[in-house]
Amino acid sequence: MRRGAGQATGPVAGTLLAAAAGIVLAACGRAGGAPCDLNNGDAEATSQPAPIPAPVEPEAATAEPAPEDAVRPPPAREAEPLDAGLAGPVFHVPLGDSPWKGASEPLAVLIVFIDFSCPHCARMAPVLDQLVAAHPDELRAVYKAYPIPGHGKAPEAAVVAAAAHAQGRFWEMHDLLFANPGEWTTEDLERLAIQAGLNPARFRDALEDERVRAEVAADVTAGHRIGVTGTPSFVLNGRRFEGSLPFAKLEARVTAAIAEGRARLEAGVPRGEVYEDLTADGLPEAPQPPLPACAAPGRQGM
């Protein structure tokens, strides 16, 4: 459903533009050329977490030779490196009324920040469905909006998806938006809404509802607070990582997160409270890097 850049007119078009303009949009400046980066366009995500360097062997010390009958300890087993995607700080991200699919009482919660105009997010959508299907009783996938400035009609699409959520049809709209990429006109978005099964009158009312655009703005703010700078970005049991990852790598991380949640369950935490327990002591926002000494408040520049 690719369209030209022509602007539609009329009350619905004006409402969509006003709703998109009213949202505090996220800046996209992810380092390293990750996907959906305004500094780097929609470059393919190829960066992987840096491998942990092998320890440097110390220089051999001169020692007396051990007697032949000395009892030698078995060689130490080399520790497996911790997955970089699960080694960062834990954040507490409120789930709120965000759309979700999967387990009603999960052992692992995967929050996904997406932009409907991001091709990497579109490619990750079936991967996430595959993960939820593989762990229907343990994993919950939670959607958060993160429309990127300059990404076509991403802000309008986020508002439309939130309006669909108000009618309980979020996932239908989610799938249609990703299946029909392009510079949507307002008429395109209206047709997708009808195709998703939305009541047209209620849909138009939702577009004018301050609560709908506030829902999108709250998602963007939540992403800002924990350091999200691009899409797709993930928060798994409170730990943030990003990029378009293959199923096998995500599956390994989800399996580890489920084991983490199961340990809390076995320790006596009620199943419905596992996520809150895992993230109870998490950071509410990413720590800011310290200012250089010459730029610290109250200091004279050098």
Protein backbone atom coordinates (compact mmCIF):
# COMPACT_ATOMS: atom_id res chain seq x y z
CA MET A 1 0.00 0.00 0.00
CA ARG A 2 2.71 2.48 -0.98
CA ARG A 3 1.46 5.98 -1.56
CA GLY A 4 3.02 9.23 -2.59
CA ALA A 5 3.82 11.92 -0.11
CA GLY A 6 0.53 13.74 -0.75
CA GLN A 7 -1.22 14.96 2.34
CA ALA A 8 -4.82 14.06 2.98
CA THR A 9 -7.20 16.71 4.19
CA GLY A 10 -10.27 16.63 6.37
CA PRO A 11 -11.07 16.29 10.07
CA VAL A 12 -9.44 12.88 10.51
CA ALA A 13 -6.23 14.04 8.81
CA GLY A 14 -6.11 17.11 11.03
CA THR A 15 -6.73 15.03 14.13
CA LEU A 16 -3.93 12.61 13.26
CA LEU A 17 -1.47 15.43 12.62
CA ALA A 18 -2.44 17.15 15.86
CA ALA A 19 -2.16 13.91 17.82
CA ALA A 20 1.26 13.15 16.37
CA ALA A 21 2.47 16.69 17.00
CA GLY A 22 1.26 16.52 20.59
CA ILE A 23 3.45 13.57 21.46
CA VAL A 24 6.92 14.11 22.85
CA LEU A 25 8.74 12.02 20.24
CA ALA A 26 11.88 10.02 20.84
CA ALA A 27 15.21 10.99 19.39
CA CYS A 28 16.96 8.16 17.59
CA GLY A 29 20.72 8.39 17.86
CA ARG A 30 21.86 4.87 18.61
CA ALA A 31 25.59 4.46 18.42
CA GLY A 32 27.24 1.85 16.31
CA GLY A 33 25.02 2.05 13.24
CA ALA A 34 22.17 0.05 14.74
CA PRO A 35 18.79 -0.09 12.98
CA CYS A 36 16.47 2.89 12.58
CA ASP A 37 19.12 5.41 13.47
CA LEU A 38 18.66 8.99 12.27
CA ASN A 39 22.43 9.33 12.11
CA ASN A 40 22.78 6.24 9.99
CA GLY A 41 19.45 5.72 8.22
CA ASP A 42 17.92 2.27 8.25
CA ALA A 43 21.20 0.42 8.07
CA GLU A 44 21.06 -3.30 8.67
CA ALA A 45 21.79 -4.24 12.27
CA THR A 46 24.93 -6.27 12.25
CA SER A 47 26.55 -5.24 15.51
CA GLN A 48 26.79 -7.92 18.13
CA PRO A 49 27.74 -7.55 21.79
CA ALA A 50 31.50 -7.37 22.09
CA PRO A 51 32.99 -10.72 23.16
CA ILE A 52 34.55 -10.86 26.59
CA PRO A 53 38.33 -10.86 26.02
CA ALA A 54 40.24 -13.92 27.04
CA PRO A 55 42.22 -13.47 30.25
CA VAL A 56 45.88 -12.66 29.76
CA GLU A 57 48.12 -15.49 30.87
CA PRO A 58 50.49 -14.36 33.65
CA GLU A 59 54.16 -14.91 33.08
CA ALA A 60 55.31 -18.26 34.37
CA ALA A 61 57.06 -17.98 37.70
CA THR A 62 60.18 -19.94 38.51
CA ALA A 63 59.34 -22.64 41.01
CA GLU A 64 60.82 -25.81 42.36
CA PRO A 65 59.65 -28.87 40.37
CA ALA A 66 56.93 -30.78 42.18
CA PRO A 67 57.74 -34.32 43.26
CA GLU A 68 56.40 -36.98 40.93
CA ASP A 69 54.02 -38.37 43.53
CA ALA A 70 52.50 -34.99 44.41
CA VAL A 71 48.72 -34.81 44.19
CA ARG A 72 47.83 -32.34 41.45
CA PRO A 73 44.41 -30.65 41.50
CA PRO A 74 42.26 -31.08 38.39
CA PRO A 75 42.48 -28.22 35.92
CA ALA A 76 40.02 -25.42 36.62
CA ARG A 77 36.95 -25.43 34.40
CA GLU A 78 36.73 -22.34 32.24
CA ALA A 79 33.70 -20.23 33.12
CA GLU A 80 31.24 -19.55 30.35
CA PRO A 81 30.96 -15.83 29.50
CA LEU A 82 27.76 -14.12 30.60
CA ASP A 83 25.51 -13.07 27.74
CA ALA A 84 26.11 -9.34 27.32
CA GLY A 85 22.39 -8.85 26.75
CA LEU A 86 21.61 -9.97 30.31
CA ALA A 87 24.60 -8.45 32.09
CA GLY A 88 23.47 -4.83 32.29
CA PRO A 89 21.61 -3.01 35.08
CA VAL A 90 18.04 -3.96 35.93
CA PHE A 91 15.36 -1.35 35.24
CA HIS A 92 11.84 -1.20 36.58
CA VAL A 93 9.53 -0.47 33.65
CA PRO A 94 5.84 -0.30 34.64
CA LEU A 95 3.71 -2.44 32.34
CA GLY A 96 0.60 -0.31 32.78
CA ASP A 97 -2.20 -1.06 30.34
CA SER A 98 0.18 -1.78 27.44
CA PRO A 99 -0.90 -4.42 24.89
CA TRP A 100 0.57 -7.85 25.51
CA LYS A 101 0.41 -11.45 24.38
CA GLY A 102 1.52 -14.70 25.97
CA ALA A 103 1.40 -15.91 29.57
CA SER A 104 -1.09 -14.39 31.99
CA GLU A 105 1.29 -15.10 34.89
CA PRO A 106 4.71 -15.02 33.22
CA LEU A 107 8.10 -16.03 34.52
CA ALA A 108 9.73 -13.74 31.94
CA VAL A 109 8.48 -10.43 30.56
CA LEU A 110 9.88 -9.12 27.28
CA ILE A 111 9.01 -5.46 26.69
CA VAL A 112 9.44 -4.39 23.06
CA PHE A 113 9.80 -0.76 21.97
CA ILE A 114 8.81 -0.53 18.30
CA ASP A 115 8.27 1.91 15.46
CA PHE A 116 5.75 0.86 12.81
CA SER A 117 7.88 2.46 10.08
CA CYS A 118 11.02 0.57 11.14
CA PRO A 119 11.78 -2.36 8.78
CA HIS A 120 13.80 -4.10 11.49
CA CYS A 121 10.78 -4.03 13.81
CA ALA A 122 8.71 -5.55 11.00
CA ARG A 123 11.21 -8.38 10.61
CA MET A 124 11.27 -8.99 14.37
CA ALA A 125 7.46 -9.27 14.67
CA PRO A 126 7.27 -12.94 13.50
CA VAL A 127 10.33 -13.79 15.60
CA LEU A 128 8.54 -12.50 18.70
CA ASP A 129 5.43 -14.50 17.77
CA GLN A 130 7.64 -17.59 17.48
CA LEU A 131 9.10 -16.94 20.93
CA VAL A 132 5.68 -16.56 22.52
CA ALA A 133 4.46 -19.73 20.78
CA ALA A 134 7.51 -21.61 22.10
CA HIS A 135 6.88 -20.45 25.70
CA PRO A 136 3.11 -19.83 25.96
CA ASP A 137 2.95 -20.39 29.72
CA GLU A 138 6.20 -18.67 30.70
CA LEU A 139 6.74 -15.64 28.45
CA ARG A 140 4.76 -12.44 28.01
CA ALA A 141 5.60 -9.97 25.21
CA VAL A 142 4.56 -6.38 25.98
CA TYR A 143 4.36 -3.64 23.33
CA LYS A 144 5.54 -0.06 23.92
CA ALA A 145 5.38 2.65 21.25
CA TYR A 146 8.58 4.41 20.23
CA PRO A 147 7.88 6.37 17.01
CA ILE A 148 11.04 7.95 15.65
CA PRO A 149 11.04 11.53 14.31
CA GLY A 150 11.54 11.60 10.56
CA HIS A 151 10.30 8.04 10.08
CA GLY A 152 7.43 8.83 7.75
CA LYS A 153 4.05 8.41 9.41
CA ALA A 154 5.39 6.52 12.45
CA PRO A 155 3.88 9.00 14.97
CA GLU A 156 0.46 8.80 13.30
CA ALA A 157 0.68 4.99 13.14
CA ALA A 158 1.46 4.86 16.87
CA VAL A 159 -1.66 6.93 17.60
CA VAL A 160 -3.75 4.72 15.31
CA ALA A 161 -2.47 1.58 17.07
CA ALA A 162 -3.30 3.12 20.45
CA ALA A 163 -6.80 3.93 19.17
CA ALA A 164 -7.14 0.29 18.08
CA HIS A 165 -6.04 -0.81 21.56
CA ALA A 166 -8.93 1.22 22.98
CA GLN A 167 -11.26 -1.14 21.07
CA GLY A 168 -9.32 -4.29 21.97
CA ARG A 169 -7.98 -4.68 18.41
CA PHE A 170 -4.35 -3.68 18.88
CA TRP A 171 -2.73 -6.85 17.53
CA GLU A 172 -4.92 -6.83 14.43
CA MET A 173 -3.79 -3.27 13.68
CA HIS A 174 -0.19 -4.13 14.63
CA ASP A 175 -0.11 -6.94 12.06
CA LEU A 176 -1.78 -4.85 9.33
CA LEU A 177 0.60 -1.92 9.76
CA PHE A 178 3.64 -4.18 9.43
CA ALA A 179 2.09 -6.10 6.52
CA ASN A 180 1.38 -2.86 4.61
CA PRO A 181 4.50 -0.69 4.93
CA GLY A 182 4.77 2.65 3.23
CA GLU A 183 4.04 6.34 3.53
CA TRP A 184 0.46 5.84 4.67
CA THR A 185 -2.05 8.53 3.88
CA THR A 186 -4.84 9.24 6.34
CA GLU A 187 -7.22 7.32 4.05
CA ASP A 188 -4.84 4.33 4.17
CA LEU A 189 -4.89 4.34 7.97
CA GLU A 190 -8.67 4.63 8.04
CA ARG A 191 -9.00 1.66 5.68
CA LEU A 192 -6.64 -0.40 7.83
CA ALA A 193 -8.71 0.50 10.89
CA ILE A 194 -11.86 -0.82 9.20
CA GLN A 195 -9.97 -3.91 8.04
CA ALA A 196 -8.84 -4.49 11.63
CA GLY A 197 -12.49 -4.57 12.68
CA LEU A 198 -12.67 -1.17 14.38
CA ASN A 199 -15.87 0.78 14.73
CA PRO A 200 -15.21 3.86 12.51
CA ALA A 201 -17.01 6.34 14.76
CA ARG A 202 -15.30 5.10 17.92
CA PHE A 203 -11.98 5.08 16.06
CA ARG A 204 -12.34 8.76 15.11
CA ASP A 205 -13.35 9.63 18.67
CA ALA A 206 -10.28 7.82 20.01
CA LEU A 207 -7.99 9.83 17.73
CA GLU A 208 -9.26 12.99 19.44
CA ASP A 209 -9.00 11.51 22.93
CA GLU A 210 -6.18 13.07 24.95
CA ARG A 211 -5.81 9.79 26.83
CA VAL A 212 -4.85 7.97 23.62
CA ARG A 213 -2.03 10.32 22.69
CA ALA A 214 -0.97 10.43 26.36
CA GLU A 215 -0.61 6.64 26.20
CA VAL A 216 1.85 6.95 23.31
CA ALA A 217 3.71 9.80 25.02
CA ALA A 218 4.02 7.73 28.21
CA ASP A 219 5.61 4.87 26.26
CA VAL A 220 8.12 7.23 24.66
CA THR A 221 8.95 8.75 28.04
CA ALA A 222 9.46 5.29 29.55
CA GLY A 223 11.89 4.48 26.75
CA HIS A 224 13.79 7.75 27.20
CA ARG A 225 14.19 7.14 30.92
CA ILE A 226 15.94 3.81 30.51
CA GLY A 227 18.15 4.89 27.64
CA VAL A 228 16.29 3.60 24.57
CA THR A 229 17.64 5.38 21.49
CA GLY A 230 16.35 3.28 18.60
CA THR A 231 14.17 0.40 17.52
CA PRO A 232 13.69 -2.42 18.06
CA SER A 233 14.73 -2.23 21.71
CA PHE A 234 13.94 -4.83 24.35
CA VAL A 235 13.72 -5.07 28.12
CA LEU A 236 13.81 -8.67 29.35
CA ASN A 237 13.05 -9.08 33.06
CA GLY A 238 14.32 -5.53 33.49
CA ARG A 239 17.50 -5.80 31.39
CA ARG A 240 17.72 -3.70 28.25
CA PHE A 241 19.28 -4.65 24.92
CA GLU A 242 18.65 -3.67 21.35
CA GLY A 243 18.95 -4.63 17.72
CA SER A 244 17.47 -7.04 15.23
CA LEU A 245 18.53 -10.36 16.75
CA PRO A 246 18.09 -13.88 15.34
CA PHE A 247 15.63 -16.26 16.97
CA ALA A 248 18.37 -18.49 18.43
CA LYS A 249 19.98 -15.63 20.33
CA LEU A 250 16.69 -14.28 21.64
CA GLU A 251 15.59 -17.79 22.57
CA ALA A 252 18.75 -18.28 24.65
CA ARG A 253 18.13 -15.04 26.51
CA VAL A 254 14.45 -15.83 27.08
CA THR A 255 15.32 -19.30 28.37
CA ALA A 256 17.76 -17.77 30.87
CA ALA A 257 15.14 -15.20 31.93
CA ILE A 258 12.53 -17.93 32.45
CA ALA A 259 15.00 -19.83 34.64
CA GLU A 260 15.53 -16.62 36.63
CA GLY A 261 11.80 -16.23 37.12
CA ARG A 262 11.37 -19.90 38.04
CA ALA A 263 13.99 -19.51 40.77
CA ARG A 264 11.90 -16.71 42.32
CA LEU A 265 8.81 -18.90 42.07
CA GLU A 266 10.58 -21.75 43.85
CA ALA A 267 11.72 -19.28 46.51
CA GLY A 268 8.08 -18.59 47.35
CA VAL A 269 7.21 -15.56 45.24
CA PRO A 270 3.60 -15.83 43.96
CA ARG A 271 3.60 -16.52 40.24
CA GLY A 272 1.60 -13.41 39.42
CA GLU A 273 4.21 -11.25 41.19
CA VAL A 274 7.41 -12.63 39.65
CA TYR A 275 8.06 -9.70 37.29
CA GLU A 276 7.47 -7.11 40.00
CA ASP A 277 9.73 -9.05 42.36
CA LEU A 278 12.50 -9.33 39.75
CA THR A 279 12.43 -5.60 39.03
CA ALA A 280 11.42 -4.22 42.44
CA ASP A 281 14.92 -2.89 43.10
CA GLY A 282 15.51 -1.90 39.48
CA LEU A 283 16.56 1.56 38.41
CA PRO A 284 13.73 3.91 37.42
CA GLU A 285 15.98 5.45 34.78
CA ALA A 286 19.40 5.06 33.22
CA PRO A 287 22.18 6.83 35.10
CA GLN A 288 23.54 9.87 33.31
CA PRO A 289 27.26 9.91 32.49
CA PRO A 290 29.23 12.30 34.72
CA LEU A 291 30.09 15.73 33.31
CA PRO A 292 33.75 16.46 32.56
CA ALA A 293 35.40 18.29 35.45
CA CYS A 294 35.71 21.53 33.47
CA ALA A 295 32.01 21.42 32.57
CA ALA A 296 30.62 20.53 36.00
CA PRO A 297 28.12 23.01 37.44
CA GLY A 298 29.79 25.78 39.39
CA ARG A 299 33.19 25.21 37.79
CA GLN A 300 34.92 27.70 35.57
CA GLY A 301 35.67 26.55 32.02
CA MET A 302 39.32 26.02 31.28
